[in-house]
Amino acid sequence: MFNDEGVAAAGPITGENFVPWSDRLRDVEEMVDLPELRNQVATARERARVLRQEYKTDRKKPDWAVVQLQVMKPLLEVRDRNRR
């Protein structure tokens, strides 16, 4: 992801907006009726928290393939299933 100047933009895991982003995911979690989907959001949020913690403590940049697979993909699946 890049900003208007072509510089890599920080997302919630590496940027300053992790807490509000995580709070919004928690809100989504509370609104989802199906336990399976609720758990999927909770698991994605927890995985993002671990990745964020690794980034903050070890300055370990996230493996974006892992972010895609373990955070974004489950959240997109919940979104798509919830639209039905």
PDB file of N, CA and C in Angstrom:
ATOM      1  N   MET A   1       0.831  -1.161   0.000  1.00  0.00           N
ATOM      2  CA  MET A   1       0.000   0.000   0.000  1.00  0.00           C
ATOM      3  C   MET A   1       0.887   1.240   0.000  1.00  0.00           C
ATOM      4  N   PHE A   2       0.560   2.208  -0.854  1.00  0.00           N
ATOM      5  CA  PHE A   2       1.355   3.422  -0.951  1.00  0.00           C
ATOM      6  C   PHE A   2       0.469   4.640  -0.785  1.00  0.00           C
ATOM      7  N   ASN A   3       1.043   5.715  -0.214  1.00  0.00           N
ATOM      8  CA  ASN A   3       0.287   6.946  -0.070  1.00  0.00           C
ATOM      9  C   ASN A   3       0.394   7.762  -1.353  1.00  0.00           C
ATOM     10  N   ASP A   4      -0.142   8.979  -1.353  1.00  0.00           N
ATOM     11  CA  ASP A   4      -0.160   9.823  -2.545  1.00  0.00           C
ATOM     12  C   ASP A   4       1.235  10.186  -3.042  1.00  0.00           C
ATOM     13  N   GLU A   5       2.223  10.163  -2.160  1.00  0.00           N
ATOM     14  CA  GLU A   5       3.592  10.509  -2.547  1.00  0.00           C
ATOM     15  C   GLU A   5       4.378   9.284  -3.017  1.00  0.00           C
ATOM     16  N   GLY A   6       3.762   8.115  -3.066  1.00  0.00           N
ATOM     17  CA  GLY A   6       4.436   6.907  -3.492  1.00  0.00           C
ATOM     18  C   GLY A   6       5.263   6.237  -2.410  1.00  0.00           C
ATOM     19  N   VAL A   7       5.094   6.683  -1.172  1.00  0.00           N
ATOM     20  CA  VAL A   7       5.807   6.108  -0.046  1.00  0.00           C
ATOM     21  C   VAL A   7       4.930   5.027   0.564  1.00  0.00           C
ATOM     22  N   ALA A   8       5.556   3.940   0.972  1.00  0.00           N
ATOM     23  CA  ALA A   8       4.792   2.850   1.585  1.00  0.00           C
ATOM     24  C   ALA A   8       4.012   3.373   2.787  1.00  0.00           C
ATOM     25  N   ALA A   9       2.720   3.151   2.776  1.00  0.00           N
ATOM     26  CA  ALA A   9       1.855   3.595   3.867  1.00  0.00           C
ATOM     27  C   ALA A   9       1.799   2.521   4.943  1.00  0.00           C
ATOM     28  N   ALA A  10       1.817   2.936   6.179  1.00  0.00           N
ATOM     29  CA  ALA A  10       1.743   1.994   7.293  1.00  0.00           C
ATOM     30  C   ALA A  10       0.294   1.595   7.525  1.00  0.00           C
ATOM     31  N   GLY A  11       0.065   0.325   7.638  1.00  0.00           N
ATOM     32  CA  GLY A  11      -1.258  -0.178   7.950  1.00  0.00           C
ATOM     33  C   GLY A  11      -1.403  -0.342   9.444  1.00  0.00           C
ATOM     34  N   PRO A  12      -2.474  -0.977   9.880  1.00  0.00           N
ATOM     35  CA  PRO A  12      -2.706  -1.093  11.318  1.00  0.00           C
ATOM     36  C   PRO A  12      -1.637  -1.892  12.060  1.00  0.00           C
ATOM     37  N   ILE A  13      -1.017  -2.849  11.417  1.00  0.00           N
ATOM     38  CA  ILE A  13      -0.038  -3.669  12.137  1.00  0.00           C
ATOM     39  C   ILE A  13       1.264  -2.899  12.367  1.00  0.00           C
ATOM     40  N   THR A  14       1.688  -2.121  11.402  1.00  0.00           N
ATOM     41  CA  THR A  14       2.954  -1.399  11.535  1.00  0.00           C
ATOM     42  C   THR A  14       2.773   0.095  11.771  1.00  0.00           C
ATOM     43  N   GLY A  15       1.550   0.569  11.724  1.00  0.00           N
ATOM     44  CA  GLY A  15       1.297   1.998  11.885  1.00  0.00           C
ATOM     45  C   GLY A  15       0.814   2.361  13.275  1.00  0.00           C
ATOM     46  N   GLU A  16       0.316   3.562  13.371  1.00  0.00           N
ATOM     47  CA  GLU A  16      -0.115   4.109  14.663  1.00  0.00           C
ATOM     48  C   GLU A  16      -1.586   3.831  14.977  1.00  0.00           C
ATOM     49  N   ASN A  17      -2.302   3.211  14.075  1.00  0.00           N
ATOM     50  CA  ASN A  17      -3.750   3.061  14.262  1.00  0.00           C
ATOM     51  C   ASN A  17      -4.181   1.654  14.654  1.00  0.00           C
ATOM     52  N   PHE A  18      -3.280   0.886  15.237  1.00  0.00           N
ATOM     53  CA  PHE A  18      -3.638  -0.493  15.563  1.00  0.00           C
ATOM     54  C   PHE A  18      -4.774  -0.571  16.578  1.00  0.00           C
ATOM     55  N   VAL A  19      -4.695   0.207  17.648  1.00  0.00           N
ATOM     56  CA  VAL A  19      -5.702   0.109  18.713  1.00  0.00           C
ATOM     57  C   VAL A  19      -7.102   0.447  18.190  1.00  0.00           C
ATOM     58  N   PRO A  20      -7.303   1.568  17.484  1.00  0.00           N
ATOM     59  CA  PRO A  20      -8.650   1.828  16.960  1.00  0.00           C
ATOM     60  C   PRO A  20      -9.116   0.756  15.972  1.00  0.00           C
ATOM     61  N   TRP A  21      -8.191   0.263  15.154  1.00  0.00           N
ATOM     62  CA  TRP A  21      -8.539  -0.779  14.193  1.00  0.00           C
ATOM     63  C   TRP A  21      -8.970  -2.049  14.919  1.00  0.00           C
ATOM     64  N   SER A  22      -8.206  -2.447  15.929  1.00  0.00           N
ATOM     65  CA  SER A  22      -8.531  -3.631  16.708  1.00  0.00           C
ATOM     66  C   SER A  22      -9.852  -3.448  17.457  1.00  0.00           C
ATOM     67  N   ASP A  23     -10.089  -2.262  17.968  1.00  0.00           N
ATOM     68  CA  ASP A  23     -11.355  -1.967  18.648  1.00  0.00           C
ATOM     69  C   ASP A  23     -12.536  -2.112  17.692  1.00  0.00           C
ATOM     70  N   ARG A  24     -12.364  -1.636  16.461  1.00  0.00           N
ATOM     71  CA  ARG A  24     -13.443  -1.777  15.472  1.00  0.00           C
ATOM     72  C   ARG A  24     -13.698  -3.245  15.149  1.00  0.00           C
ATOM     73  N   LEU A  25     -12.618  -4.032  15.062  1.00  0.00           N
ATOM     74  CA  LEU A  25     -12.799  -5.469  14.829  1.00  0.00           C
ATOM     75  C   LEU A  25     -13.533  -6.124  15.993  1.00  0.00           C
ATOM     76  N   ARG A  26     -13.234  -5.690  17.210  1.00  0.00           N
ATOM     77  CA  ARG A  26     -13.937  -6.225  18.379  1.00  0.00           C
ATOM     78  C   ARG A  26     -15.424  -5.870  18.291  1.00  0.00           C
ATOM     79  N   ASP A  27     -15.727  -4.670  17.838  1.00  0.00           N
ATOM     80  CA  ASP A  27     -17.128  -4.272  17.649  1.00  0.00           C
ATOM     81  C   ASP A  27     -17.810  -5.168  16.619  1.00  0.00           C
ATOM     82  N   VAL A  28     -17.105  -5.449  15.522  1.00  0.00           N
ATOM     83  CA  VAL A  28     -17.655  -6.343  14.500  1.00  0.00           C
ATOM     84  C   VAL A  28     -17.908  -7.715  15.101  1.00  0.00           C
ATOM     85  N   GLU A  29     -16.934  -8.187  15.853  1.00  0.00           N
ATOM     86  CA  GLU A  29     -17.034  -9.488  16.520  1.00  0.00           C
ATOM     87  C   GLU A  29     -18.326  -9.573  17.345  1.00  0.00           C
ATOM     88  N   GLU A  30     -18.620  -8.525  18.079  1.00  0.00           N
ATOM     89  CA  GLU A  30     -19.802  -8.501  18.941  1.00  0.00           C
ATOM     90  C   GLU A  30     -21.098  -8.450  18.140  1.00  0.00           C
ATOM     91  N   MET A  31     -21.058  -7.939  16.917  1.00  0.00           N
ATOM     92  CA  MET A  31     -22.270  -7.806  16.105  1.00  0.00           C
ATOM     93  C   MET A  31     -22.589  -9.052  15.292  1.00  0.00           C
ATOM     94  N   VAL A  32     -21.592  -9.907  15.079  1.00  0.00           N
ATOM     95  CA  VAL A  32     -21.793 -11.095  14.250  1.00  0.00           C
ATOM     96  C   VAL A  32     -22.574 -12.136  15.053  1.00  0.00           C
ATOM     97  N   ASP A  33     -23.644 -12.634  14.450  1.00  0.00           N
ATOM     98  CA  ASP A  33     -24.525 -13.580  15.142  1.00  0.00           C
ATOM     99  C   ASP A  33     -24.000 -15.012  15.157  1.00  0.00           C
ATOM    100  N   LEU A  34     -23.425 -15.454  14.062  1.00  0.00           N
ATOM    101  CA  LEU A  34     -22.985 -16.849  13.968  1.00  0.00           C
ATOM    102  C   LEU A  34     -21.674 -17.052  14.729  1.00  0.00           C
ATOM    103  N   PRO A  35     -21.668 -17.990  15.676  1.00  0.00           N
ATOM    104  CA  PRO A  35     -20.449 -18.230  16.467  1.00  0.00           C
ATOM    105  C   PRO A  35     -19.220 -18.550  15.617  1.00  0.00           C
ATOM    106  N   GLU A  36     -19.398 -19.308  14.549  1.00  0.00           N
ATOM    107  CA  GLU A  36     -18.277 -19.664  13.679  1.00  0.00           C
ATOM    108  C   GLU A  36     -17.624 -18.408  13.080  1.00  0.00           C
ATOM    109  N   LEU A  37     -18.457 -17.492  12.608  1.00  0.00           N
ATOM    110  CA  LEU A  37     -17.930 -16.256  12.014  1.00  0.00           C
ATOM    111  C   LEU A  37     -17.341 -15.349  13.087  1.00  0.00           C
ATOM    112  N   ARG A  38     -17.991 -15.292  14.236  1.00  0.00           N
ATOM    113  CA  ARG A  38     -17.478 -14.495  15.358  1.00  0.00           C
ATOM    114  C   ARG A  38     -16.087 -14.976  15.757  1.00  0.00           C
ATOM    115  N   ASN A  39     -15.929 -16.302  15.816  1.00  0.00           N
ATOM    116  CA  ASN A  39     -14.624 -16.872  16.158  1.00  0.00           C
ATOM    117  C   ASN A  39     -13.577 -16.576  15.093  1.00  0.00           C
ATOM    118  N   GLN A  40     -14.000 -16.549  13.843  1.00  0.00           N
ATOM    119  CA  GLN A  40     -13.076 -16.243  12.760  1.00  0.00           C
ATOM    120  C   GLN A  40     -12.546 -14.813  12.893  1.00  0.00           C
ATOM    121  N   VAL A  41     -13.422 -13.873  13.238  1.00  0.00           N
ATOM    122  CA  VAL A  41     -12.988 -12.484  13.447  1.00  0.00           C
ATOM    123  C   VAL A  41     -12.063 -12.416  14.653  1.00  0.00           C
ATOM    124  N   ALA A  42     -12.417 -13.096  15.729  1.00  0.00           N
ATOM    125  CA  ALA A  42     -11.592 -13.075  16.937  1.00  0.00           C
ATOM    126  C   ALA A  42     -10.205 -13.653  16.669  1.00  0.00           C
ATOM    127  N   THR A  43     -10.150 -14.730  15.915  1.00  0.00           N
ATOM    128  CA  THR A  43      -8.866 -15.355  15.599  1.00  0.00           C
ATOM    129  C   THR A  43      -8.014 -14.438  14.731  1.00  0.00           C
ATOM    130  N   ALA A  44      -8.618 -13.805  13.744  1.00  0.00           N
ATOM    131  CA  ALA A  44      -7.879 -12.871  12.879  1.00  0.00           C
ATOM    132  C   ALA A  44      -7.369 -11.687  13.694  1.00  0.00           C
ATOM    133  N   ARG A  45      -8.201 -11.172  14.591  1.00  0.00           N
ATOM    134  CA  ARG A  45      -7.793 -10.034  15.432  1.00  0.00           C
ATOM    135  C   ARG A  45      -6.638 -10.432  16.342  1.00  0.00           C
ATOM    136  N   GLU A  46      -6.696 -11.628  16.910  1.00  0.00           N
ATOM    137  CA  GLU A  46      -5.628 -12.108  17.784  1.00  0.00           C
ATOM    138  C   GLU A  46      -4.337 -12.313  16.995  1.00  0.00           C
ATOM    139  N   ARG A  47      -4.445 -12.863  15.816  1.00  0.00           N
ATOM    140  CA  ARG A  47      -3.242 -13.063  14.987  1.00  0.00           C
ATOM    141  C   ARG A  47      -2.608 -11.713  14.644  1.00  0.00           C
ATOM    142  N   ALA A  48      -3.442 -10.731  14.327  1.00  0.00           N
ATOM    143  CA  ALA A  48      -2.927  -9.389  14.049  1.00  0.00           C
ATOM    144  C   ALA A  48      -2.248  -8.809  15.286  1.00  0.00           C
ATOM    145  N   ARG A  49      -2.815  -9.063  16.462  1.00  0.00           N
ATOM    146  CA  ARG A  49      -2.216  -8.567  17.703  1.00  0.00           C
ATOM    147  C   ARG A  49      -0.827  -9.159  17.907  1.00  0.00           C
ATOM    148  N   VAL A  50      -0.687 -10.452  17.642  1.00  0.00           N
ATOM    149  CA  VAL A  50       0.616 -11.112  17.794  1.00  0.00           C
ATOM    150  C   VAL A  50       1.621 -10.533  16.788  1.00  0.00           C
ATOM    151  N   LEU A  51       1.196 -10.353  15.554  1.00  0.00           N
ATOM    152  CA  LEU A  51       2.076  -9.767  14.548  1.00  0.00           C
ATOM    153  C   LEU A  51       2.492  -8.350  14.942  1.00  0.00           C
ATOM    154  N   ARG A  52       1.554  -7.592  15.488  1.00  0.00           N
ATOM    155  CA  ARG A  52       1.846  -6.234  15.938  1.00  0.00           C
ATOM    156  C   ARG A  52       2.864  -6.265  17.085  1.00  0.00           C
ATOM    157  N   GLN A  53       2.651  -7.180  18.019  1.00  0.00           N
ATOM    158  CA  GLN A  53       3.556  -7.300  19.164  1.00  0.00           C
ATOM    159  C   GLN A  53       4.969  -7.657  18.697  1.00  0.00           C
ATOM    160  N   GLU A  54       5.080  -8.584  17.761  1.00  0.00           N
ATOM    161  CA  GLU A  54       6.387  -8.948  17.218  1.00  0.00           C
ATOM    162  C   GLU A  54       7.042  -7.749  16.534  1.00  0.00           C
ATOM    163  N   TYR A  55       6.240  -6.970  15.840  1.00  0.00           N
ATOM    164  CA  TYR A  55       6.764  -5.787  15.164  1.00  0.00           C
ATOM    165  C   TYR A  55       7.265  -4.754  16.183  1.00  0.00           C
ATOM    166  N   LYS A  56       6.491  -4.545  17.220  1.00  0.00           N
ATOM    167  CA  LYS A  56       6.841  -3.523  18.217  1.00  0.00           C
ATOM    168  C   LYS A  56       8.030  -3.946  19.078  1.00  0.00           C
ATOM    169  N   THR A  57       8.093  -5.198  19.492  1.00  0.00           N
ATOM    170  CA  THR A  57       9.149  -5.612  20.419  1.00  0.00           C
ATOM    171  C   THR A  57      10.439  -6.001  19.705  1.00  0.00           C
ATOM    172  N   ASP A  58      10.319  -6.686  18.571  1.00  0.00           N
ATOM    173  CA  ASP A  58      11.506  -7.184  17.879  1.00  0.00           C
ATOM    174  C   ASP A  58      11.825  -6.419  16.602  1.00  0.00           C
ATOM    175  N   ARG A  59      10.969  -5.439  16.271  1.00  0.00           N
ATOM    176  CA  ARG A  59      11.084  -4.704  15.004  1.00  0.00           C
ATOM    177  C   ARG A  59      11.091  -5.670  13.824  1.00  0.00           C
ATOM    178  N   LYS A  60      10.366  -6.774  14.013  1.00  0.00           N
ATOM    179  CA  LYS A  60      10.247  -7.800  12.977  1.00  0.00           C
ATOM    180  C   LYS A  60       9.098  -7.416  12.056  1.00  0.00           C
ATOM    181  N   LYS A  61       9.436  -7.109  10.817  1.00  0.00           N
ATOM    182  CA  LYS A  61       8.393  -6.753   9.860  1.00  0.00           C
ATOM    183  C   LYS A  61       7.518  -7.968   9.586  1.00  0.00           C
ATOM    184  N   PRO A  62       6.222  -7.743   9.492  1.00  0.00           N
ATOM    185  CA  PRO A  62       5.318  -8.876   9.245  1.00  0.00           C
ATOM    186  C   PRO A  62       5.585  -9.522   7.885  1.00  0.00           C
ATOM    187  N   ASP A  63       5.399 -10.796   7.846  1.00  0.00           N
ATOM    188  CA  ASP A  63       5.404 -11.529   6.582  1.00  0.00           C
ATOM    189  C   ASP A  63       4.033 -11.263   5.966  1.00  0.00           C
ATOM    190  N   TRP A  64       4.016 -10.504   4.884  1.00  0.00           N
ATOM    191  CA  TRP A  64       2.741 -10.056   4.335  1.00  0.00           C
ATOM    192  C   TRP A  64       1.909 -11.217   3.786  1.00  0.00           C
ATOM    193  N   ALA A  65       2.547 -12.297   3.408  1.00  0.00           N
ATOM    194  CA  ALA A  65       1.786 -13.482   2.990  1.00  0.00           C
ATOM    195  C   ALA A  65       1.016 -14.050   4.180  1.00  0.00           C
ATOM    196  N   VAL A  66       1.624 -14.020   5.359  1.00  0.00           N
ATOM    197  CA  VAL A  66       0.959 -14.484   6.583  1.00  0.00           C
ATOM    198  C   VAL A  66      -0.190 -13.538   6.934  1.00  0.00           C
ATOM    199  N   VAL A  67       0.052 -12.243   6.825  1.00  0.00           N
ATOM    200  CA  VAL A  67      -1.013 -11.265   7.092  1.00  0.00           C
ATOM    201  C   VAL A  67      -2.187 -11.528   6.160  1.00  0.00           C
ATOM    202  N   GLN A  68      -1.883 -11.715   4.893  1.00  0.00           N
ATOM    203  CA  GLN A  68      -2.937 -11.966   3.907  1.00  0.00           C
ATOM    204  C   GLN A  68      -3.715 -13.235   4.244  1.00  0.00           C
ATOM    205  N   LEU A  69      -2.990 -14.301   4.572  1.00  0.00           N
ATOM    206  CA  LEU A  69      -3.612 -15.600   4.810  1.00  0.00           C
ATOM    207  C   LEU A  69      -4.326 -15.692   6.150  1.00  0.00           C
ATOM    208  N   GLN A  70      -3.741 -15.145   7.208  1.00  0.00           N
ATOM    209  CA  GLN A  70      -4.269 -15.355   8.556  1.00  0.00           C
ATOM    210  C   GLN A  70      -5.088 -14.191   9.106  1.00  0.00           C
ATOM    211  N   VAL A  71      -5.004 -13.031   8.467  1.00  0.00           N
ATOM    212  CA  VAL A  71      -5.778 -11.884   8.949  1.00  0.00           C
ATOM    213  C   VAL A  71      -6.786 -11.438   7.887  1.00  0.00           C
ATOM    214  N   MET A  72      -6.287 -11.053   6.730  1.00  0.00           N
ATOM    215  CA  MET A  72      -7.179 -10.485   5.713  1.00  0.00           C
ATOM    216  C   MET A  72      -8.142 -11.498   5.112  1.00  0.00           C
ATOM    217  N   LYS A  73      -7.645 -12.658   4.734  1.00  0.00           N
ATOM    218  CA  LYS A  73      -8.516 -13.655   4.101  1.00  0.00           C
ATOM    219  C   LYS A  73      -9.686 -14.051   5.002  1.00  0.00           C
ATOM    220  N   PRO A  74      -9.443 -14.379   6.274  1.00  0.00           N
ATOM    221  CA  PRO A  74     -10.587 -14.713   7.133  1.00  0.00           C
ATOM    222  C   PRO A  74     -11.583 -13.558   7.289  1.00  0.00           C
ATOM    223  N   LEU A  75     -11.068 -12.330   7.376  1.00  0.00           N
ATOM    224  CA  LEU A  75     -11.973 -11.187   7.519  1.00  0.00           C
ATOM    225  C   LEU A  75     -12.800 -10.980   6.255  1.00  0.00           C
ATOM    226  N   LEU A  76     -12.191 -11.171   5.110  1.00  0.00           N
ATOM    227  CA  LEU A  76     -12.938 -11.043   3.857  1.00  0.00           C
ATOM    228  C   LEU A  76     -13.972 -12.161   3.722  1.00  0.00           C
ATOM    229  N   GLU A  77     -13.633 -13.357   4.181  1.00  0.00           N
ATOM    230  CA  GLU A  77     -14.598 -14.461   4.152  1.00  0.00           C
ATOM    231  C   GLU A  77     -15.796 -14.157   5.033  1.00  0.00           C
ATOM    232  N   VAL A  78     -15.558 -13.602   6.210  1.00  0.00           N
ATOM    233  CA  VAL A  78     -16.654 -13.235   7.110  1.00  0.00           C
ATOM    234  C   VAL A  78     -17.517 -12.170   6.441  1.00  0.00           C
ATOM    235  N   ARG A  79     -16.872 -11.170   5.860  1.00  0.00           N
ATOM    236  CA  ARG A  79     -17.627 -10.119   5.164  1.00  0.00           C
ATOM    237  C   ARG A  79     -18.506 -10.717   4.080  1.00  0.00           C
ATOM    238  N   ASP A  80     -17.918 -11.592   3.248  1.00  0.00           N
ATOM    239  CA  ASP A  80     -18.669 -12.170   2.150  1.00  0.00           C
ATOM    240  C   ASP A  80     -19.802 -13.058   2.633  1.00  0.00           C
ATOM    241  N   ARG A  81     -19.561 -13.858   3.649  1.00  0.00           N
ATOM    242  CA  ARG A  81     -20.617 -14.737   4.168  1.00  0.00           C
ATOM    243  C   ARG A  81     -21.709 -13.945   4.868  1.00  0.00           C
ATOM    244  N   ASN A  82     -21.353 -12.844   5.463  1.00  0.00           N
ATOM    245  CA  ASN A  82     -22.326 -12.021   6.182  1.00  0.00           C
ATOM    246  C   ASN A  82     -23.234 -11.249   5.234  1.00  0.00           C
ATOM    247  N   ARG A  83     -22.824 -11.082   4.008  1.00  0.00           N
ATOM    248  CA  ARG A  83     -23.632 -10.368   3.007  1.00  0.00           C
ATOM    249  C   ARG A  83     -24.806 -11.199   2.530  1.00  0.00           C
ATOM    250  N   ARG A  84     -24.717 -12.509   2.689  1.00  0.00           N
ATOM    251  CA  ARG A  84     -25.770 -13.411   2.172  1.00  0.00           C
ATOM    252  C   ARG A  84     -27.043 -13.277   2.932  1.00  0.00           C
TER     253      ARG A  84
END
